[in-house]
C-alpha atoms as a PDB file:
ATOM      1  CA  UNK A   1      51.384  65.342  -7.965  1.00  0.00           C
ATOM      2  CA  UNK A   2      48.231  67.346  -8.539  1.00  0.00           C
ATOM      3  CA  UNK A   3      47.835  65.857 -12.440  1.00  0.00           C
ATOM      4  CA  UNK A   4      47.699  62.428 -10.517  1.00  0.00           C
ATOM      5  CA  UNK A   5      44.306  62.878  -8.718  1.00  0.00           C
ATOM      6  CA  UNK A   6      42.935  65.323 -11.530  1.00  0.00           C
ATOM      7  CA  UNK A   7      42.999  62.881 -14.321  1.00  0.00           C
ATOM      8  CA  UNK A   8      40.753  59.759 -12.890  1.00  0.00           C
ATOM      9  CA  UNK A   9      38.420  62.629 -11.427  1.00  0.00           C
ATOM     10  CA  UNK A  10      38.111  63.922 -14.928  1.00  0.00           C
ATOM     11  CA  UNK A  11      37.602  60.309 -16.201  1.00  0.00           C
ATOM     12  CA  UNK A  12      34.597  59.632 -13.583  1.00  0.00           C
ATOM     13  CA  UNK A  13      33.006  62.948 -14.823  1.00  0.00           C
ATOM     14  CA  UNK A  14      33.087  61.793 -18.309  1.00  0.00           C
ATOM     15  CA  UNK A  15      31.911  58.585 -17.344  1.00  0.00           C
ATOM     16  CA  UNK A  16      28.690  59.963 -15.475  1.00  0.00           C
ATOM     17  CA  UNK A  17      28.033  62.305 -18.462  1.00  0.00           C
ATOM     18  CA  UNK A  18      28.038  59.235 -20.644  1.00  0.00           C
ATOM     19  CA  UNK A  19      25.823  57.631 -18.681  1.00  0.00           C
ATOM     20  CA  UNK A  20      22.986  60.557 -18.272  1.00  0.00           C
ATOM     21  CA  UNK A  21      22.826  60.870 -21.701  1.00  0.00           C
ATOM     22  CA  UNK A  22      22.653  57.313 -22.517  1.00  0.00           C
ATOM     23  CA  UNK A  23      19.916  57.153 -20.205  1.00  0.00           C
ATOM     24  CA  UNK A  24      17.906  60.018 -20.413  1.00  0.00           C
ATOM     25  CA  UNK A  25      17.751  60.546 -16.757  1.00  0.00           C
ATOM     26  CA  UNK A  26      19.730  62.287 -14.074  1.00  0.00           C
ATOM     27  CA  UNK A  27      21.721  59.290 -12.938  1.00  0.00           C
ATOM     28  CA  UNK A  28      25.047  58.997 -11.340  1.00  0.00           C
ATOM     29  CA  UNK A  29      27.012  59.349  -8.303  1.00  0.00           C
ATOM     30  CA  UNK A  30      25.227  62.975  -7.877  1.00  0.00           C
ATOM     31  CA  UNK A  31      21.940  62.847  -8.835  1.00  0.00           C
ATOM     32  CA  UNK A  32      19.020  60.797  -8.320  1.00  0.00           C
ATOM     33  CA  UNK A  33      16.314  59.794 -11.390  1.00  0.00           C
ATOM     34  CA  UNK A  34      13.140  60.860 -11.184  1.00  0.00           C
ATOM     35  CA  UNK A  35      10.378  59.618  -9.324  1.00  0.00           C
ATOM     36  CA  UNK A  36       8.016  57.619 -11.572  1.00  0.00           C
ATOM     37  CA  UNK A  37       4.269  58.361 -10.764  1.00  0.00           C
ATOM     38  CA  UNK A  38       2.308  55.624  -9.065  1.00  0.00           C
ATOM     39  CA  UNK A  39      -0.727  54.362 -11.135  1.00  0.00           C
ATOM     40  CA  UNK A  40      -3.480  53.500  -8.890  1.00  0.00           C
ATOM     41  CA  UNK A  41      -5.020  50.043 -10.379  1.00  0.00           C
ATOM     42  CA  UNK A  42      -8.564  50.554 -11.642  1.00  0.00           C
ATOM     43  CA  UNK A  43     -11.030  48.863  -9.517  1.00  0.00           C
ATOM     44  CA  UNK A  44     -12.523  45.512 -10.828  1.00  0.00           C
ATOM     45  CA  UNK A  45     -15.717  44.971 -10.857  1.00  0.00           C
ATOM     46  CA  UNK A  46     -16.543  41.253 -10.851  1.00  0.00           C
ATOM     47  CA  UNK A  47     -19.438  40.169 -12.954  1.00  0.00           C
ATOM     48  CA  UNK A  48     -21.661  37.376 -11.824  1.00  0.00           C
ATOM     49  CA  UNK A  49     -23.537  35.669 -14.706  1.00  0.00           C
ATOM     50  CA  UNK A  50     -27.234  35.047 -14.550  1.00  0.00           C
ATOM     51  CA  UNK A  51     -27.601  31.017 -14.035  1.00  0.00           C
ATOM     52  CA  UNK A  52     -29.744  29.113 -16.400  1.00  0.00           C
ATOM     53  CA  UNK A  53     -32.476  27.268 -14.496  1.00  0.00           C
ATOM     54  CA  UNK A  54     -33.927  24.496 -16.817  1.00  0.00           C
ATOM     55  CA  UNK A  55     -37.588  23.271 -16.132  1.00  0.00           C
ATOM     56  CA  UNK A  56     -38.609  21.413 -13.361  1.00  0.00           C
ATOM     57  CA  UNK A  57     -38.887  18.234 -15.331  1.00  0.00           C
ATOM     58  CA  UNK A  58     -35.439  18.460 -16.867  1.00  0.00           C
ATOM     59  CA  UNK A  59     -33.856  19.529 -13.126  1.00  0.00           C
ATOM     60  CA  UNK A  60     -35.502  16.113 -11.610  1.00  0.00           C
ATOM     61  CA  UNK A  61     -33.024  14.363 -13.762  1.00  0.00           C
ATOM     62  CA  UNK A  62     -30.142  16.103 -12.586  1.00  0.00           C
ATOM     63  CA  UNK A  63     -27.606  14.219 -10.261  1.00  0.00           C
ATOM     64  CA  UNK A  64     -27.502  15.976  -6.400  1.00  0.00           C
ATOM     65  CA  UNK A  65     -23.876  17.524  -7.039  1.00  0.00           C
ATOM     66  CA  UNK A  66     -25.315  19.482 -10.451  1.00  0.00           C
ATOM     67  CA  UNK A  67     -28.199  20.538  -8.297  1.00  0.00           C
ATOM     68  CA  UNK A  68     -26.323  22.082  -5.462  1.00  0.00           C
ATOM     69  CA  UNK A  69     -23.857  23.808  -7.832  1.00  0.00           C
ATOM     70  CA  UNK A  70     -26.674  25.477  -9.390  1.00  0.00           C
ATOM     71  CA  UNK A  71     -28.225  26.960  -6.393  1.00  0.00           C
ATOM     72  CA  UNK A  72     -24.844  27.915  -5.145  1.00  0.00           C
ATOM     73  CA  UNK A  73     -24.627  29.751  -8.445  1.00  0.00           C
ATOM     74  CA  UNK A  74     -28.205  31.343  -8.268  1.00  0.00           C
ATOM     75  CA  UNK A  75     -27.507  32.412  -4.784  1.00  0.00           C
ATOM     76  CA  UNK A  76     -24.368  34.290  -5.583  1.00  0.00           C
ATOM     77  CA  UNK A  77     -26.015  36.230  -8.380  1.00  0.00           C
ATOM     78  CA  UNK A  78     -29.173  36.683  -6.114  1.00  0.00           C
ATOM     79  CA  UNK A  79     -26.992  38.179  -3.221  1.00  0.00           C
ATOM     80  CA  UNK A  80     -25.171  40.374  -6.056  1.00  0.00           C
ATOM     81  CA  UNK A  81     -27.864  41.762  -7.834  1.00  0.00           C
ATOM     82  CA  UNK A  82     -30.815  42.064  -5.077  1.00  0.00           C
ATOM     83  CA  UNK A  83     -33.893  41.768  -7.001  1.00  0.00           C
ATOM     84  CA  UNK A  84     -36.966  40.169  -5.825  1.00  0.00           C
ATOM     85  CA  UNK A  85     -37.081  38.047  -9.258  1.00  0.00           C
ATOM     86  CA  UNK A  86     -33.434  36.717  -8.684  1.00  0.00           C
ATOM     87  CA  UNK A  87     -33.866  35.976  -4.994  1.00  0.00           C
ATOM     88  CA  UNK A  88     -37.345  34.063  -5.510  1.00  0.00           C
ATOM     89  CA  UNK A  89     -35.645  31.787  -8.106  1.00  0.00           C
ATOM     90  CA  UNK A  90     -33.047  31.019  -5.484  1.00  0.00           C
ATOM     91  CA  UNK A  91     -35.695  29.986  -2.992  1.00  0.00           C
ATOM     92  CA  UNK A  92     -37.721  27.842  -5.915  1.00  0.00           C
ATOM     93  CA  UNK A  93     -34.099  25.938  -6.074  1.00  0.00           C
ATOM     94  CA  UNK A  94     -34.232  25.640  -2.676  1.00  0.00           C
ATOM     95  CA  UNK A  95     -37.711  24.251  -2.335  1.00  0.00           C
ATOM     96  CA  UNK A  96     -37.174  21.815  -4.984  1.00  0.00           C
ATOM     97  CA  UNK A  97     -34.265  20.648  -3.038  1.00  0.00           C
ATOM     98  CA  UNK A  98     -36.081  20.298  -0.156  1.00  0.00           C
ATOM     99  CA  UNK A  99     -38.928  18.220  -1.879  1.00  0.00           C
ATOM    100  CA  UNK A 100     -36.511  16.159  -3.532  1.00  0.00           C
ATOM    101  CA  UNK A 101     -34.542  15.262   0.331  1.00  0.00           C
ATOM    102  CA  UNK A 102     -38.289  14.476   1.534  1.00  0.00           C
ATOM    103  CA  UNK A 103     -39.224  11.819  -1.735  1.00  0.00           C
ATOM    104  CA  UNK A 104     -35.899  10.261  -0.840  1.00  0.00           C
ATOM    105  CA  UNK A 105     -36.762   9.850   2.763  1.00  0.00           C
ATOM    106  CA  UNK A 106     -40.278   8.695   2.076  1.00  0.00           C
ATOM    107  CA  UNK A 107     -38.565   5.736  -0.023  1.00  0.00           C
ATOM    108  CA  UNK A 108     -36.200   5.218   2.358  1.00  0.00           C
ATOM    109  CA  UNK A 109     -38.989   4.151   4.916  1.00  0.00           C
ATOM    110  CA  UNK A 110     -40.618   1.714   2.003  1.00  0.00           C
ATOM    111  CA  UNK A 111     -36.885   0.367   1.845  1.00  0.00           C
ATOM    112  CA  UNK A 112     -36.241   0.148   5.718  1.00  0.00           C
ATOM    113  CA  UNK A 113     -39.806  -1.713   5.728  1.00  0.00           C
ATOM    114  CA  UNK A 114     -39.252  -4.253   3.010  1.00  0.00           C
ATOM    115  CA  UNK A 115     -35.388  -4.895   4.025  1.00  0.00           C
ATOM    116  CA  UNK A 116     -35.561  -4.987   8.488  1.00  0.00           C
ATOM    117  CA  UNK A 117     -31.924  -6.134   8.126  1.00  0.00           C
ATOM    118  CA  UNK A 118     -30.982  -2.158   7.239  1.00  0.00           C
ATOM    119  CA  UNK A 119     -33.288  -1.107  10.039  1.00  0.00           C
ATOM    120  CA  UNK A 120     -31.760  -0.372  13.964  1.00  0.00           C
ATOM    121  CA  UNK A 121     -35.694  -1.036  15.189  1.00  0.00           C
ATOM    122  CA  UNK A 122     -34.908  -4.682  14.738  1.00  0.00           C
ATOM    123  CA  UNK A 123     -31.791  -4.708  16.772  1.00  0.00           C
ATOM    124  CA  UNK A 124     -32.807  -1.847  19.152  1.00  0.00           C
ATOM    125  CA  UNK A 125     -36.697  -1.578  20.167  1.00  0.00           C
ATOM    126  CA  UNK A 126     -37.681   1.063  21.119  1.00  0.00           C
ATOM    127  CA  UNK A 127     -40.485  -0.127  23.335  1.00  0.00           C
ATOM    128  CA  UNK A 128     -39.965   0.382  27.265  1.00  0.00           C
ATOM    129  CA  UNK A 129     -40.257  -3.732  28.233  1.00  0.00           C
ATOM    130  CA  UNK A 130     -38.553  -4.971  25.045  1.00  0.00           C
ATOM    131  CA  UNK A 131     -35.456  -2.732  25.655  1.00  0.00           C
ATOM    132  CA  UNK A 132     -35.364  -3.849  29.238  1.00  0.00           C
ATOM    133  CA  UNK A 133     -35.695  -7.798  28.345  1.00  0.00           C
ATOM    134  CA  UNK A 134     -32.907  -6.998  25.686  1.00  0.00           C
ATOM    135  CA  UNK A 135     -30.630  -5.423  28.254  1.00  0.00           C
ATOM    136  CA  UNK A 136     -30.915  -8.537  30.664  1.00  0.00           C
ATOM    137  CA  UNK A 137     -29.883 -10.481  27.759  1.00  0.00           C
ATOM    138  CA  UNK A 138     -27.172  -8.697  27.079  1.00  0.00           C
ATOM    139  CA  UNK A 139     -26.154  -8.546  30.858  1.00  0.00           C
ATOM    140  CA  UNK A 140     -26.354 -12.403  30.838  1.00  0.00           C
ATOM    141  CA  UNK A 141     -24.244 -12.771  27.730  1.00  0.00           C
ATOM    142  CA  UNK A 142     -21.699 -10.526  28.932  1.00  0.00           C
ATOM    143  CA  UNK A 143     -21.572 -11.790  32.529  1.00  0.00           C
ATOM    144  CA  UNK A 144     -21.217 -15.463  31.168  1.00  0.00           C
ATOM    145  CA  UNK A 145     -18.592 -14.683  28.523  1.00  0.00           C
ATOM    146  CA  UNK A 146     -16.273 -12.810  31.841  1.00  0.00           C
ATOM    147  CA  UNK A 147     -16.641 -15.387  34.150  1.00  0.00           C
ATOM    148  CA  UNK A 148     -15.359 -18.212  31.529  1.00  0.00           C
ATOM    149  CA  UNK A 149     -12.619 -15.910  31.039  1.00  0.00           C
ATOM    150  CA  UNK A 150     -11.699 -15.249  34.933  1.00  0.00           C
ATOM    151  CA  UNK A 151      -8.983 -17.498  35.554  1.00  0.00           C
ATOM    152  CA  UNK A 152      -6.920 -16.143  31.986  1.00  0.00           C
ATOM    153  CA  UNK A 153      -7.105 -12.337  32.976  1.00  0.00           C
ATOM    154  CA  UNK A 154      -6.830 -10.117  35.870  1.00  0.00           C
ATOM    155  CA  UNK A 155      -7.705  -6.761  36.937  1.00  0.00           C
ATOM    156  CA  UNK A 156      -5.296  -4.030  38.000  1.00  0.00           C
ATOM    157  CA  UNK A 157      -5.812  -0.744  39.205  1.00  0.00           C
ATOM    158  CA  UNK A 158      -3.103   1.717  39.395  1.00  0.00           C
ATOM    159  CA  UNK A 159      -3.557   4.760  41.953  1.00  0.00           C
ATOM    160  CA  UNK A 160      -1.693   6.923  44.416  1.00  0.00           C
ATOM    161  CA  UNK A 161      -2.246   8.072  48.392  1.00  0.00           C
ATOM    162  CA  UNK A 162      -2.855  11.194  47.138  1.00  0.00           C
ATOM    163  CA  UNK A 163      -5.896  10.366  44.656  1.00  0.00           C
ATOM    164  CA  UNK A 164      -9.197  11.220  45.961  1.00  0.00           C
ATOM    165  CA  UNK A 165     -10.744   9.612  42.562  1.00  0.00           C
ATOM    166  CA  UNK A 166      -9.055   6.184  43.298  1.00  0.00           C
ATOM    167  CA  UNK A 167     -11.087   5.850  46.620  1.00  0.00           C
ATOM    168  CA  UNK A 168     -14.627   6.127  44.220  1.00  0.00           C
ATOM    169  CA  UNK A 169     -13.158   3.971  41.955  1.00  0.00           C
ATOM    170  CA  UNK A 170     -11.916   1.019  44.028  1.00  0.00           C
ATOM    171  CA  UNK A 171     -15.366  -0.027  44.740  1.00  0.00           C
ATOM    172  CA  UNK A 172     -16.358  -0.468  41.313  1.00  0.00           C
ATOM    173  CA  UNK A 173     -13.370  -2.544  40.657  1.00  0.00           C
ATOM    174  CA  UNK A 174     -14.511  -4.806  43.718  1.00  0.00           C
ATOM    175  CA  UNK A 175     -17.845  -4.968  42.456  1.00  0.00           C
ATOM    176  CA  UNK A 176     -16.383  -6.224  39.428  1.00  0.00           C
ATOM    177  CA  UNK A 177     -14.388  -8.839  41.311  1.00  0.00           C
ATOM    178  CA  UNK A 178     -17.556 -10.012  43.356  1.00  0.00           C
ATOM    179  CA  UNK A 179     -19.971 -10.292  40.107  1.00  0.00           C
ATOM    180  CA  UNK A 180     -17.291 -11.825  37.986  1.00  0.00           C
ATOM    181  CA  UNK A 181     -14.900 -13.872  39.863  1.00  0.00           C
ATOM    182  CA  UNK A 182     -11.866 -12.124  38.520  1.00  0.00           C
ATOM    183  CA  UNK A 183      -8.767 -11.422  41.050  1.00  0.00           C
ATOM    184  CA  UNK A 184      -8.326  -7.890  41.290  1.00  0.00           C
ATOM    185  CA  UNK A 185      -5.185  -5.972  42.528  1.00  0.00           C
ATOM    186  CA  UNK A 186      -4.613  -2.476  43.822  1.00  0.00           C
ATOM    187  CA  UNK A 187      -1.231  -1.165  42.619  1.00  0.00           C
ATOM    188  CA  UNK A 188       0.007   2.147  44.554  1.00  0.00           C
ATOM    189  CA  UNK A 189       2.244   3.867  42.323  1.00  0.00           C
ATOM    190  CA  UNK A 190       3.908   6.303  45.554  1.00  0.00           C
ATOM    191  CA  UNK A 191       5.154   2.979  46.668  1.00  0.00           C
ATOM    192  CA  UNK A 192       5.595   1.465  43.023  1.00  0.00           C
ATOM    193  CA  UNK A 193       6.901   4.283  41.009  1.00  0.00           C
ATOM    194  CA  UNK A 194       8.798   2.224  38.631  1.00  0.00           C
ATOM    195  CA  UNK A 195       5.379   0.535  37.532  1.00  0.00           C
ATOM    196  CA  UNK A 196       3.986   3.909  36.113  1.00  0.00           C
ATOM    197  CA  UNK A 197       6.704   4.072  33.209  1.00  0.00           C
ATOM    198  CA  UNK A 198       6.470  -0.204  32.743  1.00  0.00           C
ATOM    199  CA  UNK A 199       2.884   0.123  31.991  1.00  0.00           C
ATOM    200  CA  UNK A 200       2.690   3.478  30.757  1.00  0.00           C
ATOM    201  CA  UNK A 201       0.385   4.894  33.397  1.00  0.00           C
ATOM    202  CA  UNK A 202       0.101   8.861  33.133  1.00  0.00           C
ATOM    203  CA  UNK A 203      -3.308   9.305  35.145  1.00  0.00           C
ATOM    204  CA  UNK A 204      -4.383   7.649  38.376  1.00  0.00           C
ATOM    205  CA  UNK A 205      -7.120   5.751  38.485  1.00  0.00           C
ATOM    206  CA  UNK A 206      -6.334   3.910  35.589  1.00  0.00           C
ATOM    207  CA  UNK A 207      -7.738   0.354  35.344  1.00  0.00           C
ATOM    208  CA  UNK A 208      -5.880  -2.227  33.095  1.00  0.00           C
ATOM    209  CA  UNK A 209      -6.764  -5.905  32.264  1.00  0.00           C
ATOM    210  CA  UNK A 210      -3.797  -8.194  32.094  1.00  0.00           C
ATOM    211  CA  UNK A 211      -3.844 -11.669  30.341  1.00  0.00           C
ATOM    212  CA  UNK A 212      -2.060 -14.153  32.671  1.00  0.00           C
ATOM    213  CA  UNK A 213       1.531 -15.840  30.944  1.00  0.00           C
ATOM    214  CA  UNK A 214       0.905 -13.298  28.192  1.00  0.00           C
ATOM    215  CA  UNK A 215       2.640  -9.827  27.490  1.00  0.00           C
ATOM    216  CA  UNK A 216      -1.057  -8.796  26.436  1.00  0.00           C
ATOM    217  CA  UNK A 217      -2.651  -6.150  28.705  1.00  0.00           C
ATOM    218  CA  UNK A 218      -5.338  -3.196  27.858  1.00  0.00           C
ATOM    219  CA  UNK A 219      -6.088  -0.147  29.542  1.00  0.00           C
ATOM    220  CA  UNK A 220     -10.007  -0.210  30.369  1.00  0.00           C
ATOM    221  CA  UNK A 221     -10.622   2.687  32.217  1.00  0.00           C
ATOM    222  CA  UNK A 222      -8.717   6.113  32.620  1.00  0.00           C
ATOM    223  CA  UNK A 223     -10.398   8.157  35.319  1.00  0.00           C
ATOM    224  CA  UNK A 224     -13.508   6.921  37.490  1.00  0.00           C
ATOM    225  CA  UNK A 225     -15.913   4.791  35.275  1.00  0.00           C
ATOM    226  CA  UNK A 226     -19.063   3.540  36.158  1.00  0.00           C
ATOM    227  CA  UNK A 227     -19.664  -0.091  36.578  1.00  0.00           C
ATOM    228  CA  UNK A 228     -21.807  -0.862  33.915  1.00  0.00           C
ATOM    229  CA  UNK A 229     -19.204   0.743  31.366  1.00  0.00           C
ATOM    230  CA  UNK A 230     -16.327  -0.622  33.079  1.00  0.00           C
ATOM    231  CA  UNK A 231     -18.078  -4.274  32.781  1.00  0.00           C
ATOM    232  CA  UNK A 232     -18.734  -3.423  28.657  1.00  0.00           C
ATOM    233  CA  UNK A 233     -15.348  -2.120  28.428  1.00  0.00           C
ATOM    234  CA  UNK A 234     -13.791  -5.084  29.875  1.00  0.00           C
ATOM    235  CA  UNK A 235     -15.838  -7.597  27.737  1.00  0.00           C
ATOM    236  CA  UNK A 236     -14.709  -6.192  24.393  1.00  0.00           C
ATOM    237  CA  UNK A 237     -11.422  -5.867  25.578  1.00  0.00           C
ATOM    238  CA  UNK A 238     -11.073  -9.642  26.505  1.00  0.00           C
ATOM    239  CA  UNK A 239     -13.057 -10.343  23.479  1.00  0.00           C
ATOM    240  CA  UNK A 240     -10.079  -8.516  21.454  1.00  0.00           C
ATOM    241  CA  UNK A 241      -7.412  -9.848  23.162  1.00  0.00           C
ATOM    242  CA  UNK A 242      -8.629 -13.540  22.578  1.00  0.00           C
ATOM    243  CA  UNK A 243      -9.395 -12.686  18.834  1.00  0.00           C
ATOM    244  CA  UNK A 244     -12.903 -12.975  19.202  1.00  0.00           C
ATOM    245  CA  UNK A 245     -13.140 -10.092  17.234  1.00  0.00           C
ATOM    246  CA  UNK A 246     -11.423  -7.431  15.193  1.00  0.00           C
ATOM    247  CA  UNK A 247     -10.662  -3.728  16.245  1.00  0.00           C
ATOM    248  CA  UNK A 248     -13.573  -2.667  13.816  1.00  0.00           C
ATOM    249  CA  UNK A 249     -15.924  -4.604  16.079  1.00  0.00           C
ATOM    250  CA  UNK A 250     -15.174  -2.696  19.075  1.00  0.00           C
ATOM    251  CA  UNK A 251     -18.407  -1.372  19.723  1.00  0.00           C
ATOM    252  CA  UNK A 252     -20.368  -4.673  19.018  1.00  0.00           C
ATOM    253  CA  UNK A 253     -21.897  -5.084  21.887  1.00  0.00           C
ATOM    254  CA  UNK A 254     -22.640  -8.489  23.615  1.00  0.00           C
ATOM    255  CA  UNK A 255     -25.280 -10.675  21.311  1.00  0.00           C
ATOM    256  CA  UNK A 256     -24.930  -8.175  18.634  1.00  0.00           C
ATOM    257  CA  UNK A 257     -22.697 -10.210  16.308  1.00  0.00           C
ATOM    258  CA  UNK A 258     -24.051 -10.676  12.892  1.00  0.00           C
ATOM    259  CA  UNK A 259     -26.587  -7.917  13.606  1.00  0.00           C
ATOM    260  CA  UNK A 260     -27.154  -4.148  12.738  1.00  0.00           C
ATOM    261  CA  UNK A 261     -24.648  -2.837  15.087  1.00  0.00           C
ATOM    262  CA  UNK A 262     -21.950  -5.546  13.954  1.00  0.00           C
ATOM    263  CA  UNK A 263     -19.708  -3.376  11.537  1.00  0.00           C
ATOM    264  CA  UNK A 264     -18.589  -6.672   9.745  1.00  0.00           C
ATOM    265  CA  UNK A 265     -21.869  -8.134   9.990  1.00  0.00           C
ATOM    266  CA  UNK A 266     -22.012  -7.927   6.186  1.00  0.00           C
ATOM    267  CA  UNK A 267     -18.566  -8.465   5.131  1.00  0.00           C
ATOM    268  CA  UNK A 268     -15.122  -6.485   5.446  1.00  0.00           C
ATOM    269  CA  UNK A 269     -15.039  -2.690   5.505  1.00  0.00           C
ATOM    270  CA  UNK A 270     -11.689  -2.245   5.989  1.00  0.00           C
ATOM    271  CA  UNK A 271      -8.545  -2.494   3.451  1.00  0.00           C
ATOM    272  CA  UNK A 272      -6.778  -4.235   6.193  1.00  0.00           C
ATOM    273  CA  UNK A 273      -9.099  -7.015   6.621  1.00  0.00           C
ATOM    274  CA  UNK A 274      -7.943 -10.315   4.846  1.00  0.00           C
ATOM    275  CA  UNK A 275     -11.199 -10.966   3.764  1.00  0.00           C
ATOM    276  CA  UNK A 276     -11.368  -7.857   1.942  1.00  0.00           C
ATOM    277  CA  UNK A 277      -9.056  -9.637  -0.927  1.00  0.00           C
ATOM    278  CA  UNK A 278     -11.734 -12.041  -1.655  1.00  0.00           C
ATOM    279  CA  UNK A 279     -14.806 -10.313  -0.600  1.00  0.00           C
ATOM    280  CA  UNK A 280     -16.824  -6.901  -1.585  1.00  0.00           C
ATOM    281  CA  UNK A 281     -18.197  -4.012   0.481  1.00  0.00           C
ATOM    282  CA  UNK A 282     -21.610  -5.820   0.674  1.00  0.00           C
ATOM    283  CA  UNK A 283     -20.165  -9.395   1.727  1.00  0.00           C
ATOM    284  CA  UNK A 284     -20.447 -11.196  -1.531  1.00  0.00           C
ATOM    285  CA  UNK A 285     -17.490 -12.559  -2.791  1.00  0.00           C
ATOM    286  CA  UNK A 286     -15.789 -11.174  -5.742  1.00  0.00           C
ATOM    287  CA  UNK A 287     -16.901 -12.865  -9.871  1.00  0.00           C
ATOM    288  CA  UNK A 288     -14.830 -15.285 -11.606  1.00  0.00           C
ATOM    289  CA  UNK A 289     -13.981 -14.436 -15.113  1.00  0.00           C
ATOM    290  CA  UNK A 290     -16.630 -16.593 -16.346  1.00  0.00           C
ATOM    291  CA  UNK A 291     -19.402 -14.347 -14.348  1.00  0.00           C
ATOM    292  CA  UNK A 292     -19.789 -16.879 -11.257  1.00  0.00           C
ATOM    293  CA  UNK A 293     -18.943 -15.796  -7.690  1.00  0.00           C
ATOM    294  CA  UNK A 294     -16.871 -17.529  -5.582  1.00  0.00           C
END
């Protein structure tokens, strides 16, 4: 019986000895391999090459991205070597960029004088009296447009009994009714909680315009909104829902169509605009194969 378990033990010992001899290490069931010595990596020193700065006459012909790259390289080099010469070269490049930017601004001013359609002053005078007259003219356009659509739209304000801000907003909505002739309605969500989910109302007060005999509606105010802002946003919302403007023109105010503040004044600016298929970004039609334009 003893020989039965002794023979396998001898075979295991011989296998372990053969493993030690083949590996040259003390490995196996009763031994551990020697612990390898850890070698610390040598510290790496990053060498920053010295940029080659061309003469200013040549630098003037470089494109801005290339100049910016040279300035960044010189900055990194100067911060690495910290010599007076390297730092001075960096600031010389910065001075060149400053002068180039000032030159661009000067030429821009001449371009604005020769092309007033590119200048906001043509549509937004800075003189006090002129601004007052412009604001009055915009109010007249807005009021006439909203009154013309009074029978087509209605204004609804959603509120709650516990909403203190609603008591501030409701008189503003009533003023809109008096000046524009619209029907306005106050809806209490405490009495009609189903309306909140139906119209997607999450906060009160919320003011919404609803188009009669249609599913079209749009929120024009969330929270308390001053009367001028409420009138302006409602004006823009009606124009959007009636198709008088595109979404890109939502910030185009009354009387600004086709002018400096009209985002589509010179043509399409978005790929979703159907006109983009036949016009370029400056409003000119695409050239035909013979060189003429459509």
